[in-house]
PDB file of N, CA and C in Angstrom:
ATOM      1  N   MET A   1      70.438  55.884 113.940  1.00  0.00           N
ATOM      2  CA  MET A   1      69.153  55.436 113.492  1.00  0.00           C
ATOM      3  C   MET A   1      68.753  56.145 112.195  1.00  0.00           C
ATOM      4  N   ILE A   2      69.061  57.426 112.092  1.00  0.00           N
ATOM      5  CA  ILE A   2      68.665  58.198 110.924  1.00  0.00           C
ATOM      6  C   ILE A   2      69.317  57.661 109.652  1.00  0.00           C
ATOM      7  N   TYR A   3      70.546  57.155 109.755  1.00  0.00           N
ATOM      8  CA  TYR A   3      71.225  56.641 108.568  1.00  0.00           C
ATOM      9  C   TYR A   3      70.486  55.463 107.945  1.00  0.00           C
ATOM     10  N   LYS A   4      69.561  54.865 108.666  1.00  0.00           N
ATOM     11  CA  LYS A   4      68.785  53.740 108.135  1.00  0.00           C
ATOM     12  C   LYS A   4      67.663  54.198 107.202  1.00  0.00           C
ATOM     13  N   PHE A   5      67.443  55.500 107.130  1.00  0.00           N
ATOM     14  CA  PHE A   5      66.381  56.045 106.290  1.00  0.00           C
ATOM     15  C   PHE A   5      66.958  57.016 105.264  1.00  0.00           C
ATOM     16  N   PRO A   6      67.835  56.560 104.403  1.00  0.00           N
ATOM     17  CA  PRO A   6      68.532  57.480 103.497  1.00  0.00           C
ATOM     18  C   PRO A   6      67.631  58.175 102.483  1.00  0.00           C
ATOM     19  N   LYS A   7      66.465  57.634 102.193  1.00  0.00           N
ATOM     20  CA  LYS A   7      65.600  58.242 101.181  1.00  0.00           C
ATOM     21  C   LYS A   7      64.556  59.173 101.781  1.00  0.00           C
ATOM     22  N   LEU A   8      64.496  59.241 103.111  1.00  0.00           N
ATOM     23  CA  LEU A   8      63.526  60.108 103.756  1.00  0.00           C
ATOM     24  C   LEU A   8      64.123  61.495 103.966  1.00  0.00           C
ATOM     25  N   SER A   9      63.268  62.497 103.892  1.00  0.00           N
ATOM     26  CA  SER A   9      63.721  63.856 104.160  1.00  0.00           C
ATOM     27  C   SER A   9      63.850  64.063 105.669  1.00  0.00           C
ATOM     28  N   ARG A  10      64.492  65.136 106.040  1.00  0.00           N
ATOM     29  CA  ARG A  10      64.634  65.474 107.447  1.00  0.00           C
ATOM     30  C   ARG A  10      63.262  65.636 108.082  1.00  0.00           C
ATOM     31  N   GLU A  11      62.350  66.285 107.363  1.00  0.00           N
ATOM     32  CA  GLU A  11      61.001  66.501 107.884  1.00  0.00           C
ATOM     33  C   GLU A  11      60.267  65.178 108.105  1.00  0.00           C
ATOM     34  N   GLU A  12      60.423  64.245 107.184  1.00  0.00           N
ATOM     35  CA  GLU A  12      59.761  62.946 107.324  1.00  0.00           C
ATOM     36  C   GLU A  12      60.296  62.176 108.535  1.00  0.00           C
ATOM     37  N   VAL A  13      61.594  62.207 108.732  1.00  0.00           N
ATOM     38  CA  VAL A  13      62.193  61.519 109.891  1.00  0.00           C
ATOM     39  C   VAL A  13      61.735  62.186 111.181  1.00  0.00           C
ATOM     40  N   GLU A  14      61.725  63.521 111.209  1.00  0.00           N
ATOM     41  CA  GLU A  14      61.273  64.232 112.404  1.00  0.00           C
ATOM     42  C   GLU A  14      59.831  63.862 112.756  1.00  0.00           C
ATOM     43  N   THR A  15      58.985  63.820 111.748  1.00  0.00           N
ATOM     44  CA  THR A  15      57.579  63.468 111.980  1.00  0.00           C
ATOM     45  C   THR A  15      57.457  62.033 112.471  1.00  0.00           C
ATOM     46  N   MET A  16      58.167  61.131 111.830  1.00  0.00           N
ATOM     47  CA  MET A  16      58.103  59.725 112.191  1.00  0.00           C
ATOM     48  C   MET A  16      58.568  59.491 113.627  1.00  0.00           C
ATOM     49  N   LEU A  17      59.588  60.220 114.057  1.00  0.00           N
ATOM     50  CA  LEU A  17      60.132  60.034 115.402  1.00  0.00           C
ATOM     51  C   LEU A  17      59.481  60.964 116.431  1.00  0.00           C
ATOM     52  N   GLY A  18      58.551  61.770 115.986  1.00  0.00           N
ATOM     53  CA  GLY A  18      57.862  62.669 116.916  1.00  0.00           C
ATOM     54  C   GLY A  18      58.704  63.842 117.354  1.00  0.00           C
ATOM     55  N   LEU A  19      59.635  64.262 116.526  1.00  0.00           N
ATOM     56  CA  LEU A  19      60.521  65.353 116.905  1.00  0.00           C
ATOM     57  C   LEU A  19      59.880  66.723 116.713  1.00  0.00           C
ATOM     58  N   ASP A  20      58.744  66.768 116.015  1.00  0.00           N
ATOM     59  CA  ASP A  20      58.048  68.039 115.834  1.00  0.00           C
ATOM     60  C   ASP A  20      57.683  68.667 117.177  1.00  0.00           C
ATOM     61  N   ALA A  21      57.333  67.845 118.137  1.00  0.00           N
ATOM     62  CA  ALA A  21      56.902  68.340 119.444  1.00  0.00           C
ATOM     63  C   ALA A  21      58.020  69.075 120.169  1.00  0.00           C
ATOM     64  N   ILE A  22      59.256  68.732 119.869  1.00  0.00           N
ATOM     65  CA  ILE A  22      60.400  69.382 120.528  1.00  0.00           C
ATOM     66  C   ILE A  22      60.408  70.869 120.226  1.00  0.00           C
ATOM     67  N   ARG A  23      60.027  71.234 119.019  1.00  0.00           N
ATOM     68  CA  ARG A  23      60.037  72.646 118.625  1.00  0.00           C
ATOM     69  C   ARG A  23      59.091  73.488 119.465  1.00  0.00           C
ATOM     70  N   ASN A  24      58.115  72.865 120.051  1.00  0.00           N
ATOM     71  CA  ASN A  24      57.142  73.606 120.854  1.00  0.00           C
ATOM     72  C   ASN A  24      57.543  73.720 122.321  1.00  0.00           C
ATOM     73  N   THR A  25      58.666  73.143 122.685  1.00  0.00           N
ATOM     74  CA  THR A  25      59.081  73.208 124.087  1.00  0.00           C
ATOM     75  C   THR A  25      59.745  74.541 124.393  1.00  0.00           C
ATOM     76  N   ARG A  26      59.689  74.914 125.622  1.00  0.00           N
ATOM     77  CA  ARG A  26      60.306  76.163 126.080  1.00  0.00           C
ATOM     78  C   ARG A  26      61.822  76.128 125.894  1.00  0.00           C
ATOM     79  N   VAL A  27      62.430  75.001 126.178  1.00  0.00           N
ATOM     80  CA  VAL A  27      63.889  74.858 126.041  1.00  0.00           C
ATOM     81  C   VAL A  27      64.311  75.108 124.600  1.00  0.00           C
ATOM     82  N   TYR A  28      63.590  74.510 123.666  1.00  0.00           N
ATOM     83  CA  TYR A  28      63.916  74.689 122.251  1.00  0.00           C
ATOM     84  C   TYR A  28      63.770  76.153 121.851  1.00  0.00           C
ATOM     85  N   GLN A  29      62.671  76.781 122.256  1.00  0.00           N
ATOM     86  CA  GLN A  29      62.410  78.176 121.902  1.00  0.00           C
ATOM     87  C   GLN A  29      63.473  79.103 122.492  1.00  0.00           C
ATOM     88  N   GLU A  30      63.871  78.848 123.748  1.00  0.00           N
ATOM     89  CA  GLU A  30      64.900  79.670 124.380  1.00  0.00           C
ATOM     90  C   GLU A  30      66.246  79.493 123.685  1.00  0.00           C
ATOM     91  N   ALA A  31      66.571  78.262 123.337  1.00  0.00           N
ATOM     92  CA  ALA A  31      67.839  78.005 122.645  1.00  0.00           C
ATOM     93  C   ALA A  31      67.849  78.667 121.269  1.00  0.00           C
ATOM     94  N   LYS A  32      66.727  78.617 120.603  1.00  0.00           N
ATOM     95  CA  LYS A  32      66.619  79.244 119.284  1.00  0.00           C
ATOM     96  C   LYS A  32      66.800  80.755 119.390  1.00  0.00           C
ATOM     97  N   GLU A  33      66.158  81.361 120.374  1.00  0.00           N
ATOM     98  CA  GLU A  33      66.276  82.807 120.575  1.00  0.00           C
ATOM     99  C   GLU A  33      67.707  83.187 120.940  1.00  0.00           C
ATOM    100  N   GLU A  34      68.333  82.382 121.789  1.00  0.00           N
ATOM    101  CA  GLU A  34      69.717  82.644 122.179  1.00  0.00           C
ATOM    102  C   GLU A  34      70.637  82.587 120.961  1.00  0.00           C
ATOM    103  N   GLY A  35      70.403  81.637 120.100  1.00  0.00           N
ATOM    104  CA  GLY A  35      71.191  81.518 118.877  1.00  0.00           C
ATOM    105  C   GLY A  35      71.021  82.729 117.982  1.00  0.00           C
ATOM    106  N   LYS A  36      69.803  83.235 117.888  1.00  0.00           N
ATOM    107  CA  LYS A  36      69.549  84.427 117.084  1.00  0.00           C
ATOM    108  C   LYS A  36      70.298  85.632 117.642  1.00  0.00           C
ATOM    109  N   LEU A  37      70.265  85.785 118.964  1.00  0.00           N
ATOM    110  CA  LEU A  37      70.941  86.916 119.588  1.00  0.00           C
ATOM    111  C   LEU A  37      72.448  86.831 119.392  1.00  0.00           C
ATOM    112  N   GLU A  38      73.008  85.636 119.528  1.00  0.00           N
ATOM    113  CA  GLU A  38      74.447  85.464 119.317  1.00  0.00           C
ATOM    114  C   GLU A  38      74.820  85.784 117.879  1.00  0.00           C
ATOM    115  N   SER A  39      74.007  85.347 116.962  1.00  0.00           N
ATOM    116  CA  SER A  39      74.257  85.601 115.545  1.00  0.00           C
ATOM    117  C   SER A  39      74.190  87.096 115.246  1.00  0.00           C
ATOM    118  N   LYS A  40      73.233  87.763 115.839  1.00  0.00           N
ATOM    119  CA  LYS A  40      73.079  89.206 115.643  1.00  0.00           C
ATOM    120  C   LYS A  40      74.298  89.949 116.187  1.00  0.00           C
ATOM    121  N   LEU A  41      74.772  89.546 117.351  1.00  0.00           N
ATOM    122  CA  LEU A  41      75.953  90.179 117.943  1.00  0.00           C
ATOM    123  C   LEU A  41      77.176  89.946 117.068  1.00  0.00           C
ATOM    124  N   GLU A  42      77.352  88.734 116.589  1.00  0.00           N
ATOM    125  CA  GLU A  42      78.490  88.426 115.718  1.00  0.00           C
ATOM    126  C   GLU A  42      78.466  89.299 114.472  1.00  0.00           C
ATOM    127  N   GLY A  43      77.292  89.502 113.912  1.00  0.00           N
ATOM    128  CA  GLY A  43      77.158  90.353 112.733  1.00  0.00           C
ATOM    129  C   GLY A  43      77.562  91.784 113.022  1.00  0.00           C
ATOM    130  N   LYS A  44      77.131  92.291 114.159  1.00  0.00           N
ATOM    131  CA  LYS A  44      77.502  93.655 114.541  1.00  0.00           C
ATOM    132  C   LYS A  44      79.012  93.769 114.739  1.00  0.00           C
ATOM    133  N   LEU A  45      79.605  92.770 115.377  1.00  0.00           N
ATOM    134  CA  LEU A  45      81.045  92.830 115.650  1.00  0.00           C
ATOM    135  C   LEU A  45      81.873  92.746 114.372  1.00  0.00           C
ATOM    136  N   GLU A  46      81.353  92.082 113.346  1.00  0.00           N
ATOM    137  CA  GLU A  46      82.058  92.009 112.070  1.00  0.00           C
ATOM    138  C   GLU A  46      82.126  93.371 111.383  1.00  0.00           C
ATOM    139  N   VAL A  47      81.178  94.241 111.697  1.00  0.00           N
ATOM    140  CA  VAL A  47      81.116  95.562 111.083  1.00  0.00           C
ATOM    141  C   VAL A  47      82.131  96.524 111.701  1.00  0.00           C
ATOM    142  N   VAL A  48      82.505  96.302 112.940  1.00  0.00           N
ATOM    143  CA  VAL A  48      83.357  97.235 113.678  1.00  0.00           C
ATOM    144  C   VAL A  48      84.627  97.608 112.916  1.00  0.00           C
ATOM    145  N   PRO A  49      85.430  96.663 112.425  1.00  0.00           N
ATOM    146  CA  PRO A  49      86.660  97.068 111.720  1.00  0.00           C
ATOM    147  C   PRO A  49      86.390  97.911 110.474  1.00  0.00           C
ATOM    148  N   ARG A  50      85.296  97.624 109.795  1.00  0.00           N
ATOM    149  CA  ARG A  50      84.974  98.381 108.576  1.00  0.00           C
ATOM    150  C   ARG A  50      84.639  99.829 108.871  1.00  0.00           C
ATOM    151  N   VAL A  51      83.833 100.050 109.895  1.00  0.00           N
ATOM    152  CA  VAL A  51      83.455 101.428 110.202  1.00  0.00           C
ATOM    153  C   VAL A  51      84.583 102.187 110.887  1.00  0.00           C
ATOM    154  N   LEU A  52      85.468 101.476 111.559  1.00  0.00           N
ATOM    155  CA  LEU A  52      86.663 102.133 112.093  1.00  0.00           C
ATOM    156  C   LEU A  52      87.507 102.703 110.955  1.00  0.00           C
ATOM    157  N   LYS A  53      87.619 101.937 109.867  1.00  0.00           N
ATOM    158  CA  LYS A  53      88.377 102.396 108.701  1.00  0.00           C
ATOM    159  C   LYS A  53      87.738 103.626 108.059  1.00  0.00           C
ATOM    160  N   LEU A  54      86.437 103.779 108.241  1.00  0.00           N
ATOM    161  CA  LEU A  54      85.735 104.943 107.701  1.00  0.00           C
ATOM    162  C   LEU A  54      85.922 106.186 108.569  1.00  0.00           C
ATOM    163  N   GLY A  55      86.548 105.988 109.722  1.00  0.00           N
ATOM    164  CA  GLY A  55      86.855 107.127 110.580  1.00  0.00           C
ATOM    165  C   GLY A  55      85.925 107.346 111.754  1.00  0.00           C
ATOM    166  N   LEU A  56      84.983 106.454 111.974  1.00  0.00           N
ATOM    167  CA  LEU A  56      84.117 106.603 113.134  1.00  0.00           C
ATOM    168  C   LEU A  56      84.876 106.246 114.405  1.00  0.00           C
ATOM    169  N   SER A  57      84.518 106.890 115.485  1.00  0.00           N
ATOM    170  CA  SER A  57      85.155 106.588 116.766  1.00  0.00           C
ATOM    171  C   SER A  57      84.510 105.357 117.387  1.00  0.00           C
ATOM    172  N   VAL A  58      85.194 104.792 118.356  1.00  0.00           N
ATOM    173  CA  VAL A  58      84.665 103.638 119.083  1.00  0.00           C
ATOM    174  C   VAL A  58      83.335 104.008 119.742  1.00  0.00           C
ATOM    175  N   GLU A  59      83.268 105.213 120.273  1.00  0.00           N
ATOM    176  CA  GLU A  59      82.047 105.673 120.933  1.00  0.00           C
ATOM    177  C   GLU A  59      80.890 105.779 119.946  1.00  0.00           C
ATOM    178  N   GLN A  60      81.167 106.318 118.752  1.00  0.00           N
ATOM    179  CA  GLN A  60      80.126 106.445 117.735  1.00  0.00           C
ATOM    180  C   GLN A  60      79.623 105.071 117.284  1.00  0.00           C
ATOM    181  N   ILE A  61      80.554 104.148 117.125  1.00  0.00           N
ATOM    182  CA  ILE A  61      80.197 102.794 116.704  1.00  0.00           C
ATOM    183  C   ILE A  61      79.329 102.121 117.768  1.00  0.00           C
ATOM    184  N   ALA A  62      79.747 102.246 119.021  1.00  0.00           N
ATOM    185  CA  ALA A  62      78.985 101.641 120.120  1.00  0.00           C
ATOM    186  C   ALA A  62      77.568 102.192 120.149  1.00  0.00           C
ATOM    187  N   GLU A  63      77.430 103.491 119.962  1.00  0.00           N
ATOM    188  CA  GLU A  63      76.105 104.103 119.981  1.00  0.00           C
ATOM    189  C   GLU A  63      75.267 103.643 118.785  1.00  0.00           C
ATOM    190  N   ALA A  64      75.877 103.639 117.600  1.00  0.00           N
ATOM    191  CA  ALA A  64      75.143 103.271 116.387  1.00  0.00           C
ATOM    192  C   ALA A  64      74.701 101.806 116.410  1.00  0.00           C
ATOM    193  N   LEU A  65      75.551 100.939 116.925  1.00  0.00           N
ATOM    194  CA  LEU A  65      75.251  99.505 116.940  1.00  0.00           C
ATOM    195  C   LEU A  65      74.552  99.055 118.220  1.00  0.00           C
ATOM    196  N   GLU A  66      74.344 100.008 119.126  1.00  0.00           N
ATOM    197  CA  GLU A  66      73.711  99.713 120.414  1.00  0.00           C
ATOM    198  C   GLU A  66      74.463  98.618 121.160  1.00  0.00           C
ATOM    199  N   LEU A  67      75.785  98.825 121.250  1.00  0.00           N
ATOM    200  CA  LEU A  67      76.665  97.888 121.953  1.00  0.00           C
ATOM    201  C   LEU A  67      77.366  98.607 123.083  1.00  0.00           C
ATOM    202  N   ASP A  68      77.797  97.842 124.059  1.00  0.00           N
ATOM    203  CA  ASP A  68      78.610  98.383 125.135  1.00  0.00           C
ATOM    204  C   ASP A  68      79.942  98.829 124.543  1.00  0.00           C
ATOM    205  N   ILE A  69      80.422  99.956 124.990  1.00  0.00           N
ATOM    206  CA  ILE A  69      81.661 100.512 124.430  1.00  0.00           C
ATOM    207  C   ILE A  69      82.845  99.569 124.612  1.00  0.00           C
ATOM    208  N   GLU A  70      82.864  98.847 125.711  1.00  0.00           N
ATOM    209  CA  GLU A  70      83.973  97.916 125.952  1.00  0.00           C
ATOM    210  C   GLU A  70      83.950  96.757 124.950  1.00  0.00           C
ATOM    211  N   VAL A  71      82.782  96.314 124.567  1.00  0.00           N
ATOM    212  CA  VAL A  71      82.657  95.247 123.566  1.00  0.00           C
ATOM    213  C   VAL A  71      83.223  95.730 122.230  1.00  0.00           C
ATOM    214  N   VAL A  72      82.915  96.977 121.889  1.00  0.00           N
ATOM    215  CA  VAL A  72      83.430  97.550 120.638  1.00  0.00           C
ATOM    216  C   VAL A  72      84.943  97.703 120.713  1.00  0.00           C
ATOM    217  N   ARG A  73      85.453  98.141 121.851  1.00  0.00           N
ATOM    218  CA  ARG A  73      86.921  98.266 122.015  1.00  0.00           C
ATOM    219  C   ARG A  73      87.605  96.904 121.824  1.00  0.00           C
ATOM    220  N   GLN A  74      87.025  95.877 122.409  1.00  0.00           N
ATOM    221  CA  GLN A  74      87.614  94.540 122.268  1.00  0.00           C
ATOM    222  C   GLN A  74      87.584  94.087 120.824  1.00  0.00           C
ATOM    223  N   ALA A  75      86.500  94.348 120.121  1.00  0.00           N
ATOM    224  CA  ALA A  75      86.413  93.974 118.703  1.00  0.00           C
ATOM    225  C   ALA A  75      87.426  94.754 117.890  1.00  0.00           C
ATOM    226  N   ALA A  76      87.607  96.022 118.218  1.00  0.00           N
ATOM    227  CA  ALA A  76      88.581  96.855 117.506  1.00  0.00           C
ATOM    228  C   ALA A  76      90.004  96.345 117.761  1.00  0.00           C
ATOM    229  N   ALA A  77      90.293  96.013 119.009  1.00  0.00           N
ATOM    230  CA  ALA A  77      91.623  95.501 119.349  1.00  0.00           C
ATOM    231  C   ALA A  77      91.882  94.177 118.657  1.00  0.00           C
ATOM    232  N   LYS A  78      90.874  93.325 118.615  1.00  0.00           N
ATOM    233  CA  LYS A  78      91.027  92.032 117.956  1.00  0.00           C
ATOM    234  C   LYS A  78      91.277  92.210 116.461  1.00  0.00           C
ATOM    235  N   SER A  79      90.545  93.135 115.853  1.00  0.00           N
ATOM    236  CA  SER A  79      90.721  93.334 114.408  1.00  0.00           C
ATOM    237  C   SER A  79      92.085  93.902 114.078  1.00  0.00           C
ATOM    238  N   SER A  80      92.619  94.751 114.951  1.00  0.00           N
ATOM    239  CA  SER A  80      93.944  95.317 114.683  1.00  0.00           C
ATOM    240  C   SER A  80      95.048  94.290 114.917  1.00  0.00           C
ATOM    241  N   SER A  81      94.812  93.346 115.826  1.00  0.00           N
ATOM    242  CA  SER A  81      95.806  92.286 116.063  1.00  0.00           C
ATOM    243  C   SER A  81      95.753  91.216 114.978  1.00  0.00           C
ATOM    244  N   ASP A  82      94.592  91.060 114.317  1.00  0.00           N
ATOM    245  CA  ASP A  82      94.452  90.094 113.231  1.00  0.00           C
ATOM    246  C   ASP A  82      95.092  90.590 111.942  1.00  0.00           C
ATOM    247  N   SER A  83      95.248  91.893 111.827  1.00  0.00           N
ATOM    248  CA  SER A  83      95.783  92.479 110.577  1.00  0.00           C
ATOM    249  C   SER A  83      97.275  92.311 110.455  1.00  0.00           C
TER     250      SER A  83
END
């Protein structure tokens, strides 16, 4: 249906179809928050190989990033297998 409105912006289509109300639902808010948390975790895990190269221990990294030590170990193992 959206392809029928090629000159309208995303916001205009959302308003026309009443999609603005979806943003106010609990499901939408929970999904948005979950996405933020996943993104934050991914960002932290990307840092692990870099700080390992700087000489920090797995324990120090886990403490600094406020992550479970096992999660950091898995990220470290994955980064060493990718190299």
